[in-house]
Protein backbone atom coordinates (compact mmCIF):
# COMPACT_ATOMS: atom_id res chain seq x y z
CA MET A 1 -13.78 3.73 14.42
CA LYS A 2 -14.86 5.00 11.01
CA ILE A 3 -15.85 2.39 8.43
CA CYS A 4 -16.79 2.80 4.76
CA LEU A 5 -19.16 0.15 3.35
CA LEU A 6 -19.17 -0.17 -0.45
CA GLY A 7 -22.18 -1.67 -2.22
CA ALA A 8 -24.31 -0.80 0.78
CA ALA A 9 -27.65 -0.94 -1.04
CA GLY A 10 -27.21 -4.49 -2.36
CA PHE A 11 -28.32 -7.78 -0.81
CA LEU A 12 -25.13 -8.43 1.15
CA GLY A 13 -24.31 -4.77 1.69
CA GLY A 14 -27.68 -3.98 3.24
CA ALA A 15 -27.34 -6.81 5.76
CA ALA A 16 -23.74 -5.79 6.57
CA ALA A 17 -24.90 -2.19 7.06
CA GLN A 18 -27.45 -3.32 9.65
CA GLU A 19 -24.78 -5.25 11.53
CA LEU A 20 -22.16 -2.49 11.44
CA SER A 21 -24.66 0.19 12.48
CA ARG A 22 -25.32 -1.79 15.68
CA ARG A 23 -21.65 -2.18 16.62
CA THR A 24 -20.76 0.02 19.60
CA GLY A 25 -17.15 0.25 18.41
CA VAL A 26 -18.19 1.79 15.08
CA ASP A 27 -18.57 5.54 15.60
CA GLU A 28 -19.30 6.47 11.97
CA LEU A 29 -20.48 4.36 9.05
CA ILE A 30 -20.33 5.68 5.48
CA LEU A 31 -22.79 3.82 3.24
CA VAL A 32 -21.63 4.01 -0.38
CA ASP A 33 -23.54 2.88 -3.46
CA TYR A 34 -23.84 3.86 -7.10
CA VAL A 35 -27.57 4.49 -6.46
CA ILE A 36 -27.25 7.22 -3.84
CA ARG A 37 -31.01 7.37 -3.25
CA ASP A 38 -30.95 3.83 -1.89
CA ALA A 39 -27.86 4.50 0.23
CA LYS A 40 -29.49 7.60 1.72
CA ARG A 41 -32.72 5.77 2.49
CA LEU A 42 -30.81 2.97 4.22
CA ALA A 43 -28.64 5.36 6.23
CA LYS A 44 -31.64 7.28 7.53
CA ALA A 45 -33.43 4.07 8.46
CA LEU A 46 -30.53 2.59 10.42
CA SER A 47 -28.76 5.01 12.75
CA PRO A 48 -27.67 8.64 13.27
CA LYS A 49 -24.07 7.38 12.97
CA CYS A 50 -24.66 6.56 9.29
CA ARG A 51 -23.74 8.85 6.39
CA TRP A 52 -24.16 8.20 2.67
CA ALA A 53 -22.23 8.82 -0.53
CA MET A 54 -22.18 7.82 -4.19
CA ALA A 55 -19.27 6.21 -6.03
CA ASP A 56 -18.59 4.05 -9.06
CA ALA A 57 -16.55 1.11 -7.77
CA ALA A 58 -14.84 0.80 -11.16
CA LYS A 59 -13.25 4.26 -10.81
CA PRO A 60 -10.33 4.43 -8.31
CA LEU A 61 -10.40 8.23 -8.11
CA GLU A 62 -14.03 8.22 -6.99
CA LEU A 63 -13.19 5.65 -4.32
CA SER A 64 -10.06 7.45 -3.13
CA ARG A 65 -11.90 10.68 -2.37
CA LEU A 66 -14.10 8.80 0.12
CA LEU A 67 -11.30 7.15 2.07
CA GLU A 68 -9.68 10.10 3.85
CA GLY A 69 -9.80 9.42 7.60
CA ILE A 70 -11.35 5.96 7.15
CA ASP A 71 -10.11 3.15 9.44
CA ALA A 72 -11.37 0.24 7.32
CA VAL A 73 -13.35 -0.50 4.17
CA ALA A 74 -15.89 -3.30 3.87
CA SER A 75 -16.69 -4.10 0.24
CA ALA A 76 -19.87 -5.95 -0.73
CA VAL A 77 -19.47 -5.02 -4.40
CA GLY A 78 -19.67 -7.78 -6.97
CA PRO A 79 -18.88 -9.51 -9.16
CA CYS A 80 -15.39 -10.11 -7.84
CA ALA A 81 -13.83 -10.58 -11.28
CA GLU A 82 -14.86 -7.07 -12.32
CA TYR A 83 -14.38 -4.94 -9.22
CA GLU A 84 -12.45 -6.56 -6.37
CA LYS A 85 -8.90 -5.88 -7.58
CA THR A 86 -9.67 -2.24 -8.38
CA ILE A 87 -11.28 -1.66 -4.99
CA LEU A 88 -8.48 -3.31 -3.01
CA LEU A 89 -5.72 -1.46 -4.86
CA ALA A 90 -7.54 1.85 -4.31
CA CYS A 91 -7.68 1.12 -0.58
CA ALA A 92 -4.00 0.18 -0.49
CA GLY A 93 -3.16 3.38 -2.31
CA MET A 94 -4.83 5.37 0.46
CA GLY A 95 -3.30 3.24 3.24
CA VAL A 96 -6.69 1.96 4.39
CA SER A 97 -7.36 -1.59 5.62
CA ALA A 98 -9.95 -3.44 3.56
CA ALA A 99 -12.21 -6.51 3.75
CA SER A 100 -13.84 -7.72 0.54
CA ALA A 101 -16.66 -10.27 0.54
CA GLY A 102 -15.70 -11.60 -2.89
CA ASP A 103 -17.67 -14.17 -4.86
CA GLY A 104 -14.71 -16.04 -6.25
CA THR A 105 -10.97 -16.53 -5.81
CA LEU A 106 -8.68 -13.90 -7.27
CA PRO A 107 -6.03 -15.10 -9.76
CA GLU A 108 -2.66 -15.73 -8.11
CA ALA A 109 -0.98 -12.91 -10.05
CA ASP A 110 -3.62 -10.44 -8.80
CA ARG A 111 -3.24 -11.70 -5.23
CA ARG A 112 0.52 -11.12 -5.36
CA GLU A 113 0.03 -7.61 -6.72
CA ILE A 114 -2.57 -6.75 -4.06
CA ASP A 115 -0.47 -8.27 -1.28
CA ALA A 116 2.56 -6.21 -2.35
CA ALA A 117 0.45 -3.02 -2.44
CA PHE A 118 -0.87 -3.51 1.10
CA ARG A 119 2.57 -4.47 2.41
CA ALA A 120 3.98 -1.26 0.93
CA ALA A 121 1.13 0.68 2.58
CA GLY A 122 1.74 -1.08 5.91
CA VAL A 123 -1.91 -2.10 6.37
CA PRO A 124 -3.79 -5.44 6.22
CA ALA A 125 -6.55 -6.65 3.90
CA VAL A 126 -8.64 -9.80 3.46
CA SER A 127 -10.17 -11.05 0.21
CA GLY A 128 -13.07 -13.48 0.53
CA CYS A 129 -15.17 -12.78 3.65
CA GLY A 130 -18.44 -14.37 2.57
CA MET A 131 -19.64 -17.94 2.26
CA MET A 132 -17.48 -19.19 -0.66
CA PRO A 133 -14.74 -18.04 -0.43
CA GLY A 134 -14.75 -17.17 3.25
CA TRP A 135 -16.49 -19.81 5.31
CA THR A 136 -15.14 -22.52 3.04
CA GLU A 137 -11.65 -21.41 4.08
CA LEU A 138 -12.59 -21.20 7.78
CA LEU A 139 -14.06 -24.70 7.69
CA SER A 140 -11.09 -26.11 5.80
CA ASP A 141 -8.45 -24.62 8.10
CA HIS A 142 -10.22 -25.08 11.44
CA TYR A 143 -11.97 -28.44 10.90
CA LEU A 144 -10.33 -30.31 8.00
CA SER A 145 -6.68 -29.28 8.33
CA GLY A 146 -4.12 -31.76 7.06
CA GLY A 147 -6.53 -33.55 4.73
CA GLY A 148 -5.25 -32.26 1.40
CA GLU A 149 -6.91 -29.74 -0.90
CA PRO A 150 -10.66 -29.84 -0.14
CA THR A 151 -13.57 -29.53 -2.55
CA ARG A 152 -15.64 -26.44 -1.76
CA HIS A 153 -19.38 -26.23 -2.14
CA LEU A 154 -22.13 -23.67 -1.61
CA PHE A 155 -25.85 -24.37 -1.37
CA PHE A 156 -28.30 -21.46 -1.62
CA SER A 157 -32.02 -20.80 -1.97
CA PRO A 158 -32.43 -18.35 -4.89
CA ASP A 159 -35.51 -16.77 -3.31
CA ARG A 160 -33.67 -15.92 -0.07
CA PHE A 161 -29.98 -15.46 -0.80
CA GLY A 162 -27.91 -13.32 -3.16
CA GLY A 163 -28.43 -10.24 -5.28
CA TYR A 164 -28.13 -9.77 -9.03
CA ALA A 165 -24.31 -9.77 -9.10
CA PHE A 166 -24.23 -13.09 -7.26
CA LEU A 167 -26.91 -14.69 -9.45
CA ARG A 168 -25.14 -13.36 -12.53
CA GLY A 169 -21.88 -14.96 -11.44
CA VAL A 170 -23.59 -18.29 -10.78
CA ALA A 171 -25.50 -18.29 -14.08
CA ARG A 172 -22.34 -17.48 -16.04
CA GLY A 173 -20.20 -19.96 -14.12
CA ILE A 174 -22.06 -23.27 -13.79
CA THR A 175 -21.09 -25.80 -16.44
CA SER A 176 -22.91 -29.12 -15.84
CA PRO A 177 -24.89 -31.11 -13.24
CA ALA A 178 -22.72 -32.77 -10.58
CA PRO A 179 -23.08 -35.39 -7.82
CA SER A 180 -23.99 -34.17 -4.33
CA PRO A 181 -20.90 -33.55 -2.17
CA PRO A 182 -20.51 -35.36 1.19
CA GLY A 183 -22.64 -33.87 3.95
CA SER A 184 -24.57 -31.66 1.55
CA GLY A 185 -28.01 -32.58 2.85
CA GLY A 186 -29.59 -32.99 -0.59
CA GLY A 187 -30.50 -30.57 -3.36
CA SER A 188 -29.31 -30.44 -6.98
CA TRP A 189 -25.67 -29.65 -7.67
CA PHE A 190 -23.69 -28.08 -10.50
CA SER A 191 -19.99 -27.73 -11.29
CA LEU A 192 -17.98 -24.52 -11.50
CA PRO A 193 -14.79 -24.21 -13.60
CA ASP A 194 -12.51 -24.16 -10.52
CA GLY A 195 -13.83 -27.53 -9.31
CA SER A 196 -16.14 -26.15 -6.63
CA LEU A 197 -19.87 -26.89 -6.60
CA ILE A 198 -23.09 -24.86 -6.42
CA GLY A 199 -26.30 -26.41 -5.08
CA VAL A 200 -29.94 -25.30 -5.11
CA PRO A 201 -33.17 -26.84 -3.77
CA ASP A 202 -34.84 -29.50 -5.90
CA GLY A 203 -37.84 -28.34 -7.90
CA LYS A 204 -38.19 -25.11 -9.87
CA ALA A 205 -34.75 -23.79 -8.92
CA ALA A 206 -33.02 -26.99 -9.99
CA ASP A 207 -35.02 -27.11 -13.24
CA ARG A 208 -33.93 -23.59 -14.16
CA PHE A 209 -30.31 -24.33 -13.36
CA ARG A 210 -30.41 -27.45 -15.53
CA TRP A 211 -31.87 -25.33 -18.33
CA ILE A 212 -29.00 -22.87 -17.97
CA THR A 213 -26.39 -25.61 -18.36
CA SER A 214 -28.15 -27.36 -21.25
CA VAL A 215 -29.66 -24.51 -23.28
CA ALA A 216 -28.43 -21.08 -22.22
CA GLY A 217 -24.79 -22.13 -22.37
CA LYS A 218 -25.13 -22.79 -26.08
CA LEU A 219 -26.28 -19.21 -26.61
CA GLY A 220 -22.97 -17.80 -25.34
CA PRO A 221 -22.50 -14.77 -23.02
CA LEU A 222 -25.86 -13.25 -24.03
CA GLY A 223 -27.69 -16.41 -23.01
CA LYS A 224 -25.89 -16.48 -19.65
CA GLU A 225 -26.75 -12.81 -19.03
CA PHE A 226 -30.38 -13.46 -19.86
CA SER A 227 -30.34 -16.44 -17.50
CA ALA A 228 -29.10 -14.28 -14.62
CA ALA A 229 -31.88 -11.75 -15.21
CA LEU A 230 -34.40 -14.59 -15.41
CA LEU A 231 -33.26 -15.96 -12.06
CA LEU A 232 -33.70 -12.54 -10.47
CA TRP A 233 -37.14 -11.94 -11.98
CA LEU A 234 -38.49 -15.38 -11.11
CA ARG A 235 -36.83 -15.91 -7.74
CA GLY A 236 -40.11 -15.47 -5.88
CA SER A 237 -41.61 -18.46 -7.68
CA MET A 238 -38.70 -20.65 -6.53
CA ALA A 239 -39.56 -20.37 -2.82
CA LYS A 240 -39.12 -23.57 -0.80
CA GLY A 241 -40.27 -22.19 2.55
CA PRO A 242 -38.39 -21.99 5.87
CA ALA A 243 -37.39 -25.67 5.71
CA ALA A 244 -34.68 -24.88 3.15
CA HIS A 245 -31.57 -23.07 4.38
CA ALA A 246 -30.98 -19.67 2.84
CA ALA A 247 -27.36 -20.77 2.37
CA ALA A 248 -24.89 -23.43 3.45
CA ALA A 249 -21.15 -23.61 2.76
CA GLY A 250 -19.04 -26.72 3.05
CA VAL A 251 -15.76 -28.46 2.29
CA SER A 252 -14.97 -32.14 1.85
CA SER A 253 -11.77 -34.14 1.59
CA GLY A 254 -10.93 -37.83 1.89
CA GLY A 255 -14.44 -38.81 2.99
CA ARG A 256 -14.56 -36.11 5.68
CA TYR A 257 -16.59 -32.92 5.54
CA ALA A 258 -17.35 -29.74 7.43
CA ARG A 259 -20.40 -27.61 6.71
CA VAL A 260 -22.11 -24.53 8.09
CA GLU A 261 -25.88 -24.22 7.62
CA ASP A 262 -27.23 -20.67 7.58
CA PRO A 263 -31.07 -20.68 7.77
CA SER A 264 -31.40 -16.88 7.84
CA GLY A 265 -28.81 -15.93 5.22
CA ARG A 266 -27.11 -13.50 7.65
CA LEU A 267 -23.79 -15.27 8.14
CA ALA A 268 -21.93 -13.77 5.16
CA ALA A 269 -22.90 -10.24 6.20
CA LEU A 270 -21.82 -10.82 9.81
CA THR A 271 -18.51 -12.24 8.62
CA LEU A 272 -17.80 -9.25 6.37
CA ALA A 273 -18.71 -6.82 9.16
CA GLU A 274 -16.62 -8.68 11.75
CA THR A 275 -13.59 -8.77 9.45
CA ALA A 276 -13.79 -5.05 8.72
CA VAL A 277 -14.03 -4.22 12.43
CA LEU A 278 -11.06 -6.49 13.25
CA LEU A 279 -8.96 -4.88 10.52
CA GLY A 280 -9.94 -1.38 11.60
CA SER A 281 -8.99 -2.06 15.23
CA SER A 282 -5.99 -4.32 14.69
CA GLY A 283 -3.41 -1.67 15.50
CA ARG A 284 -1.90 -2.50 12.09
CA LYS A 285 0.50 -5.09 13.50
CA ARG A 286 0.28 -7.07 10.26
CA SER A 287 0.25 -5.91 6.66
CA GLY A 288 -0.49 -7.43 3.29
CA LEU A 289 -3.25 -9.75 2.11
CA LEU A 290 -4.09 -11.99 5.08
CA PRO A 291 -5.90 -15.36 5.03
CA LEU A 292 -9.31 -15.08 6.71
CA PRO A 293 -8.60 -18.01 9.12
CA GLU A 294 -5.59 -16.09 10.43
CA LEU A 295 -7.90 -13.28 11.50
CA ILE A 296 -10.89 -15.35 12.62
CA GLY A 297 -9.95 -18.41 14.69
CA ARG A 298 -12.08 -21.44 15.42
CA GLU A 299 -13.68 -19.98 18.56
CA GLU A 300 -14.43 -16.71 16.78
CA ALA A 301 -15.93 -18.60 13.84
CA GLU A 302 -18.21 -20.56 16.15
CA ARG A 303 -19.26 -17.35 17.88
CA LEU A 304 -20.12 -15.76 14.50
CA ALA A 305 -22.13 -18.80 13.46
CA ALA A 306 -24.09 -18.74 16.73
CA ALA A 307 -24.81 -15.00 16.32
CA ALA A 308 -26.29 -15.67 12.87
CA GLY A 309 -28.30 -18.66 14.08
CA ALA A 310 -26.14 -20.91 11.90
CA ARG A 311 -24.95 -24.43 12.72
CA ILE A 312 -21.57 -26.06 12.04
CA GLN A 313 -21.60 -29.77 11.21
CA ILE A 314 -18.60 -32.11 11.01
CA GLY A 315 -18.65 -35.67 9.68
């Protein structure tokens, strides 16, 4: 199997590259990043099966030239709102299966367009293979099915989880402080426009997030952009130690909840890697944009969580 990993030098991409390079079923792994020096360094450090290349994810022609002979693409490029649609349509145009981590839910019109493109190409794709979306959908379908539309939430430790694109999306998205969701295990929580919640450890991280919602928001897009850079620069000072999970995703509905706690921060990368491998070896029996829970069942989800040292809780 030959897999192309986009955004390989980023936080999520680097972890996914480590996982894919260890897979015996992956014969060749192309690590792609806009900063080719970082992609080359990573490829040489991981495995002889790794190659490297440079591409701008915003340019379909640059992506298309890399996809000849590729079995599946794994995209760790963010933010979703800027790049995901372009990347998925480029893959569909080349008839290549694709898994995108995503950091948000694509608009319904974009999902229909992407689904139609992959159906026409006769290959499958999955959008949202990280924590939220991704594990929030796995938890909802496999543990809270039949309970109505759940509220999704993601807790993360800024010093141990997420790169600049992720922090940028969070800083630009949070609107106001919010109550803790059921089963959240504490922390300070903030609302996102789609009704989902973002949580961080109490202390310095929570103080900076409250500042973003109260002060930076009044400064408009420039203030939000500055806030994202500030989070990245100061993330080391927000450390809470090993007691705080690197990340935890959850869903709640009607007083019930399901949550996965990820102490190491590896679960999103393992999920993206697993999805890409499944798509690349699926024999192309299905086509179009598939829901992640259709590809990864409950037993497979529990196996992934165990491999990452994560724990699923239901209450």
